[in-house]
Amino acid sequence: MNYFEVFGLPRVLSLDLKALEKTFHELSRRYHPDYFTTAPAEERQKALQMTATLNDAYRTLRHPVRRVEHLLEIEGFKPDGSKVPKPFLMEVFEINEQLEEVKAGSASKEQVEALRREIEERAKGFEQQLQRAADDWDKLSAAGPSEEQRKQQLSRLTEILSESSYIRNLQRELEETS
């Protein structure tokens, strides 16, 4: 299902979140199951389905990373960790080793903080890359790109998400450990 269509939006990544929220509330009121209690069973079921779809769509589109993931999904692209550059994987491996020291309790407080800062810096770097690539997608979409241009930009978004997923996983692990 295309969540952009649910809200009547173009497939762009820079959304007006206040307008999205307003539309979400308007549609939620329109399809709220309480308004369909005396309706035929088929209409009640459609209202329930629409409510679930609206909730999923809103949760997805209001979050920048999930929004990109959804765009890639409906465009037929999927982040693939197997295509991540080897030098990056080696860096992640080194960070993972440091994380294992933290888990084992053999890292000092200073080492834990240094690791946290390094992971946070990398995460911010990916957020910035993703934002630039999202902005580029929006500009490209507005210009009426060729199929090749669309695929190149979607591939770029896919690569950024694939790499950033490693860092997000490291962030989660560090938070669970600390």
C-alpha atoms as a PDB file:
ATOM      1  CA  MET A   1       0.000   0.000   0.000  1.00  0.00           C
ATOM      2  CA  ASN A   2       1.249   3.467  -0.887  1.00  0.00           C
ATOM      3  CA  TYR A   3       1.004   5.601   2.259  1.00  0.00           C
ATOM      4  CA  PHE A   4       1.663   8.787   0.308  1.00  0.00           C
ATOM      5  CA  GLU A   5      -1.552   8.139  -1.639  1.00  0.00           C
ATOM      6  CA  VAL A   6      -3.494   7.478   1.583  1.00  0.00           C
ATOM      7  CA  PHE A   7      -2.838  11.108   2.523  1.00  0.00           C
ATOM      8  CA  GLY A   8      -3.078  12.449  -1.024  1.00  0.00           C
ATOM      9  CA  LEU A   9       0.616  13.352  -1.076  1.00  0.00           C
ATOM     10  CA  PRO A  10       3.187  13.209  -3.858  1.00  0.00           C
ATOM     11  CA  ARG A  11       6.112  10.816  -3.390  1.00  0.00           C
ATOM     12  CA  VAL A  12       8.384  13.379  -1.779  1.00  0.00           C
ATOM     13  CA  LEU A  13      10.473  13.061   1.342  1.00  0.00           C
ATOM     14  CA  SER A  14      10.224  16.573   2.755  1.00  0.00           C
ATOM     15  CA  LEU A  15       6.762  16.717   4.235  1.00  0.00           C
ATOM     16  CA  ASP A  16       4.982  19.400   6.185  1.00  0.00           C
ATOM     17  CA  LEU A  17       4.503  17.405   9.378  1.00  0.00           C
ATOM     18  CA  LYS A  18       1.857  19.756  10.769  1.00  0.00           C
ATOM     19  CA  ALA A  19      -0.201  19.390   7.581  1.00  0.00           C
ATOM     20  CA  LEU A  20       0.310  15.615   7.722  1.00  0.00           C
ATOM     21  CA  GLU A  21      -0.941  15.545  11.307  1.00  0.00           C
ATOM     22  CA  LYS A  22      -3.935  17.712  10.436  1.00  0.00           C
ATOM     23  CA  THR A  23      -4.880  15.442   7.531  1.00  0.00           C
ATOM     24  CA  PHE A  24      -4.385  12.390   9.740  1.00  0.00           C
ATOM     25  CA  HIS A  25      -6.815  13.768  12.327  1.00  0.00           C
ATOM     26  CA  GLU A  26      -9.370  14.731   9.675  1.00  0.00           C
ATOM     27  CA  LEU A  27      -9.249  11.287   8.068  1.00  0.00           C
ATOM     28  CA  SER A  28      -9.256   9.562  11.457  1.00  0.00           C
ATOM     29  CA  ARG A  29     -12.460  11.347  12.386  1.00  0.00           C
ATOM     30  CA  ARG A  30     -14.027  10.535   9.031  1.00  0.00           C
ATOM     31  CA  TYR A  31     -13.263   6.805   9.317  1.00  0.00           C
ATOM     32  CA  HIS A  32     -13.495   6.365  13.082  1.00  0.00           C
ATOM     33  CA  PRO A  33     -15.267   3.053  13.815  1.00  0.00           C
ATOM     34  CA  ASP A  34     -17.625   4.758  16.290  1.00  0.00           C
ATOM     35  CA  TYR A  35     -19.330   6.482  13.368  1.00  0.00           C
ATOM     36  CA  PHE A  36     -20.043   3.123  11.752  1.00  0.00           C
ATOM     37  CA  THR A  37     -21.644   1.224  14.632  1.00  0.00           C
ATOM     38  CA  THR A  38     -25.038   1.066  12.897  1.00  0.00           C
ATOM     39  CA  ALA A  39     -23.595   0.626   9.392  1.00  0.00           C
ATOM     40  CA  PRO A  40     -23.625  -2.733   7.592  1.00  0.00           C
ATOM     41  CA  ALA A  41     -20.860  -5.148   8.585  1.00  0.00           C
ATOM     42  CA  GLU A  42     -18.945  -4.536   5.359  1.00  0.00           C
ATOM     43  CA  GLU A  43     -18.777  -0.768   6.003  1.00  0.00           C
ATOM     44  CA  ARG A  44     -17.743  -1.332   9.630  1.00  0.00           C
ATOM     45  CA  GLN A  45     -14.946  -3.607   8.437  1.00  0.00           C
ATOM     46  CA  LYS A  46     -13.777  -1.028   5.869  1.00  0.00           C
ATOM     47  CA  ALA A  47     -13.730   1.657   8.571  1.00  0.00           C
ATOM     48  CA  LEU A  48     -11.613  -0.576  10.820  1.00  0.00           C
ATOM     49  CA  GLN A  49      -9.224  -1.340   7.973  1.00  0.00           C
ATOM     50  CA  MET A  50      -8.958   2.338   7.041  1.00  0.00           C
ATOM     51  CA  THR A  51      -8.285   3.289  10.658  1.00  0.00           C
ATOM     52  CA  ALA A  52      -5.473   0.723  10.861  1.00  0.00           C
ATOM     53  CA  THR A  53      -4.067   1.879   7.526  1.00  0.00           C
ATOM     54  CA  LEU A  54      -4.188   5.536   8.596  1.00  0.00           C
ATOM     55  CA  ASN A  55      -2.343   4.747  11.830  1.00  0.00           C
ATOM     56  CA  ASP A  56       0.351   2.765  10.010  1.00  0.00           C
ATOM     57  CA  ALA A  57       0.679   5.405   7.301  1.00  0.00           C
ATOM     58  CA  TYR A  58       0.950   8.243   9.794  1.00  0.00           C
ATOM     59  CA  ARG A  59       3.549   6.435  11.926  1.00  0.00           C
ATOM     60  CA  THR A  60       5.572   5.713   8.802  1.00  0.00           C
ATOM     61  CA  LEU A  61       5.402   9.101   7.095  1.00  0.00           C
ATOM     62  CA  ARG A  62       6.108  11.216  10.161  1.00  0.00           C
ATOM     63  CA  HIS A  63       9.439   9.460  10.745  1.00  0.00           C
ATOM     64  CA  PRO A  64      12.177  10.478   8.251  1.00  0.00           C
ATOM     65  CA  VAL A  65      13.927   7.096   8.034  1.00  0.00           C
ATOM     66  CA  ARG A  66      10.707   5.094   7.834  1.00  0.00           C
ATOM     67  CA  ARG A  67       9.454   7.523   5.177  1.00  0.00           C
ATOM     68  CA  VAL A  68      12.535   6.821   3.033  1.00  0.00           C
ATOM     69  CA  GLU A  69      12.189   3.081   3.644  1.00  0.00           C
ATOM     70  CA  HIS A  70       8.562   3.245   2.530  1.00  0.00           C
ATOM     71  CA  LEU A  71       9.408   5.220  -0.604  1.00  0.00           C
ATOM     72  CA  LEU A  72      12.076   2.673  -1.490  1.00  0.00           C
ATOM     73  CA  GLU A  73       9.658  -0.181  -0.872  1.00  0.00           C
ATOM     74  CA  ILE A  74       6.932   1.198  -3.122  1.00  0.00           C
ATOM     75  CA  GLU A  75       9.561   2.005  -5.760  1.00  0.00           C
ATOM     76  CA  GLY A  76      10.803  -1.593  -5.648  1.00  0.00           C
ATOM     77  CA  PHE A  77      14.100  -0.965  -3.827  1.00  0.00           C
ATOM     78  CA  LYS A  78      15.248  -2.618  -0.632  1.00  0.00           C
ATOM     79  CA  PRO A  79      18.228  -1.696   1.562  1.00  0.00           C
ATOM     80  CA  ASP A  80      20.732  -4.514   1.290  1.00  0.00           C
ATOM     81  CA  GLY A  81      23.550  -4.838   3.801  1.00  0.00           C
ATOM     82  CA  SER A  82      25.469  -7.135   1.464  1.00  0.00           C
ATOM     83  CA  LYS A  83      26.370  -4.162  -0.751  1.00  0.00           C
ATOM     84  CA  VAL A  84      28.028  -2.122   1.991  1.00  0.00           C
ATOM     85  CA  PRO A  85      31.648  -1.123   1.219  1.00  0.00           C
ATOM     86  CA  LYS A  86      34.270  -3.325   2.891  1.00  0.00           C
ATOM     87  CA  PRO A  87      36.188  -0.442   4.508  1.00  0.00           C
ATOM     88  CA  PHE A  88      32.978   0.637   6.228  1.00  0.00           C
ATOM     89  CA  LEU A  89      32.335  -2.933   7.392  1.00  0.00           C
ATOM     90  CA  MET A  90      35.850  -3.060   8.864  1.00  0.00           C
ATOM     91  CA  GLU A  91      35.131   0.150  10.800  1.00  0.00           C
ATOM     92  CA  VAL A  92      31.864  -1.322  12.073  1.00  0.00           C
ATOM     93  CA  PHE A  93      33.723  -4.485  13.070  1.00  0.00           C
ATOM     94  CA  GLU A  94      36.200  -2.410  15.115  1.00  0.00           C
ATOM     95  CA  ILE A  95      33.369  -0.533  16.821  1.00  0.00           C
ATOM     96  CA  ASN A  96      31.671  -3.867  17.506  1.00  0.00           C
ATOM     97  CA  GLU A  97      34.836  -5.131  19.199  1.00  0.00           C
ATOM     98  CA  GLN A  98      34.839  -2.056  21.430  1.00  0.00           C
ATOM     99  CA  LEU A  99      31.176  -2.677  22.185  1.00  0.00           C
ATOM    100  CA  GLU A 100      32.011  -6.240  23.240  1.00  0.00           C
ATOM    101  CA  GLU A 101      34.524  -4.816  25.725  1.00  0.00           C
ATOM    102  CA  VAL A 102      31.764  -2.599  27.119  1.00  0.00           C
ATOM    103  CA  LYS A 103      29.442  -5.615  27.425  1.00  0.00           C
ATOM    104  CA  ALA A 104      32.159  -7.622  29.163  1.00  0.00           C
ATOM    105  CA  GLY A 105      32.682  -4.789  31.640  1.00  0.00           C
ATOM    106  CA  SER A 106      36.332  -4.348  30.704  1.00  0.00           C
ATOM    107  CA  ALA A 107      35.946  -0.847  29.254  1.00  0.00           C
ATOM    108  CA  SER A 108      36.505   2.254  31.342  1.00  0.00           C
ATOM    109  CA  LYS A 109      33.855   4.929  31.692  1.00  0.00           C
ATOM    110  CA  GLU A 110      35.939   7.163  29.404  1.00  0.00           C
ATOM    111  CA  GLN A 111      36.115   4.427  26.745  1.00  0.00           C
ATOM    112  CA  VAL A 112      32.348   3.944  26.906  1.00  0.00           C
ATOM    113  CA  GLU A 113      31.769   7.692  26.480  1.00  0.00           C
ATOM    114  CA  ALA A 114      34.253   7.878  23.606  1.00  0.00           C
ATOM    115  CA  LEU A 115      32.472   4.968  21.916  1.00  0.00           C
ATOM    116  CA  ARG A 116      29.094   6.616  22.475  1.00  0.00           C
ATOM    117  CA  ARG A 117      30.358   9.880  20.922  1.00  0.00           C
ATOM    118  CA  GLU A 118      31.834   8.048  17.926  1.00  0.00           C
ATOM    119  CA  ILE A 119      28.610   6.171  17.246  1.00  0.00           C
ATOM    120  CA  GLU A 120      26.520   9.328  17.695  1.00  0.00           C
ATOM    121  CA  GLU A 121      28.786  11.275  15.301  1.00  0.00           C
ATOM    122  CA  ARG A 122      28.447   8.556  12.688  1.00  0.00           C
ATOM    123  CA  ALA A 123      24.681   8.466  13.159  1.00  0.00           C
ATOM    124  CA  LYS A 124      24.483  12.252  12.712  1.00  0.00           C
ATOM    125  CA  GLY A 125      26.624  11.959   9.601  1.00  0.00           C
ATOM    126  CA  PHE A 126      24.207   9.441   8.111  1.00  0.00           C
ATOM    127  CA  GLU A 127      21.235  11.598   9.083  1.00  0.00           C
ATOM    128  CA  GLN A 128      22.819  14.491   7.193  1.00  0.00           C
ATOM    129  CA  GLN A 129      23.580  12.305   4.174  1.00  0.00           C
ATOM    130  CA  LEU A 130      20.045  10.969   4.190  1.00  0.00           C
ATOM    131  CA  GLN A 131      18.592  14.488   4.424  1.00  0.00           C
ATOM    132  CA  ARG A 132      20.713  15.693   1.488  1.00  0.00           C
ATOM    133  CA  ALA A 133      19.754  12.666  -0.573  1.00  0.00           C
ATOM    134  CA  ALA A 134      16.084  13.164   0.342  1.00  0.00           C
ATOM    135  CA  ASP A 135      16.288  16.808  -0.716  1.00  0.00           C
ATOM    136  CA  ASP A 136      17.919  15.720  -3.968  1.00  0.00           C
ATOM    137  CA  TRP A 137      15.089  13.219  -4.518  1.00  0.00           C
ATOM    138  CA  ASP A 138      12.491  15.928  -4.029  1.00  0.00           C
ATOM    139  CA  LYS A 139      14.261  18.300  -6.445  1.00  0.00           C
ATOM    140  CA  LEU A 140      14.657  15.528  -8.981  1.00  0.00           C
ATOM    141  CA  SER A 141      11.018  14.496  -8.644  1.00  0.00           C
ATOM    142  CA  ALA A 142       9.880  18.074  -9.241  1.00  0.00           C
ATOM    143  CA  ALA A 143      12.010  18.292 -12.393  1.00  0.00           C
ATOM    144  CA  GLY A 144      10.479  15.219 -14.047  1.00  0.00           C
ATOM    145  CA  PRO A 145      13.501  12.923 -14.060  1.00  0.00           C
ATOM    146  CA  SER A 146      14.363  10.178 -16.477  1.00  0.00           C
ATOM    147  CA  GLU A 147      13.963   6.602 -15.292  1.00  0.00           C
ATOM    148  CA  GLU A 148      17.748   6.302 -15.019  1.00  0.00           C
ATOM    149  CA  GLN A 149      17.975   9.416 -12.819  1.00  0.00           C
ATOM    150  CA  ARG A 150      15.202   8.105 -10.573  1.00  0.00           C
ATOM    151  CA  LYS A 151      16.931   4.731 -10.207  1.00  0.00           C
ATOM    152  CA  GLN A 152      20.283   6.355  -9.429  1.00  0.00           C
ATOM    153  CA  GLN A 153      18.785   8.504  -6.686  1.00  0.00           C
ATOM    154  CA  LEU A 154      16.790   5.624  -5.237  1.00  0.00           C
ATOM    155  CA  SER A 155      19.972   3.528  -5.259  1.00  0.00           C
ATOM    156  CA  ARG A 156      21.786   6.297  -3.416  1.00  0.00           C
ATOM    157  CA  LEU A 157      19.044   6.401  -0.762  1.00  0.00           C
ATOM    158  CA  THR A 158      19.230   2.618  -0.495  1.00  0.00           C
ATOM    159  CA  GLU A 159      23.010   2.690   0.046  1.00  0.00           C
ATOM    160  CA  ILE A 160      22.751   5.323   2.765  1.00  0.00           C
ATOM    161  CA  LEU A 161      20.034   3.379   4.590  1.00  0.00           C
ATOM    162  CA  SER A 162      21.976   0.125   4.276  1.00  0.00           C
ATOM    163  CA  GLU A 163      25.070   1.615   5.863  1.00  0.00           C
ATOM    164  CA  SER A 164      23.221   3.609   8.489  1.00  0.00           C
ATOM    165  CA  SER A 165      21.370   0.502   9.657  1.00  0.00           C
ATOM    166  CA  TYR A 166      24.673  -0.842  10.993  1.00  0.00           C
ATOM    167  CA  ILE A 167      25.194   2.310  13.028  1.00  0.00           C
ATOM    168  CA  ARG A 168      21.596   2.327  14.313  1.00  0.00           C
ATOM    169  CA  ASN A 169      22.093  -1.283  15.457  1.00  0.00           C
ATOM    170  CA  LEU A 170      25.290  -0.300  17.276  1.00  0.00           C
ATOM    171  CA  GLN A 171      23.424   2.569  18.945  1.00  0.00           C
ATOM    172  CA  ARG A 172      20.709   0.188  20.141  1.00  0.00           C
ATOM    173  CA  GLU A 173      23.232  -2.308  21.447  1.00  0.00           C
ATOM    174  CA  LEU A 174      25.140   0.351  23.324  1.00  0.00           C
ATOM    175  CA  GLU A 175      21.937   1.702  24.879  1.00  0.00           C
ATOM    176  CA  GLU A 176      20.886  -1.816  25.939  1.00  0.00           C
ATOM    177  CA  THR A 177      24.305  -2.416  27.447  1.00  0.00           C
ATOM    178  CA  SER A 178      24.595   0.883  29.328  1.00  0.00           C
END
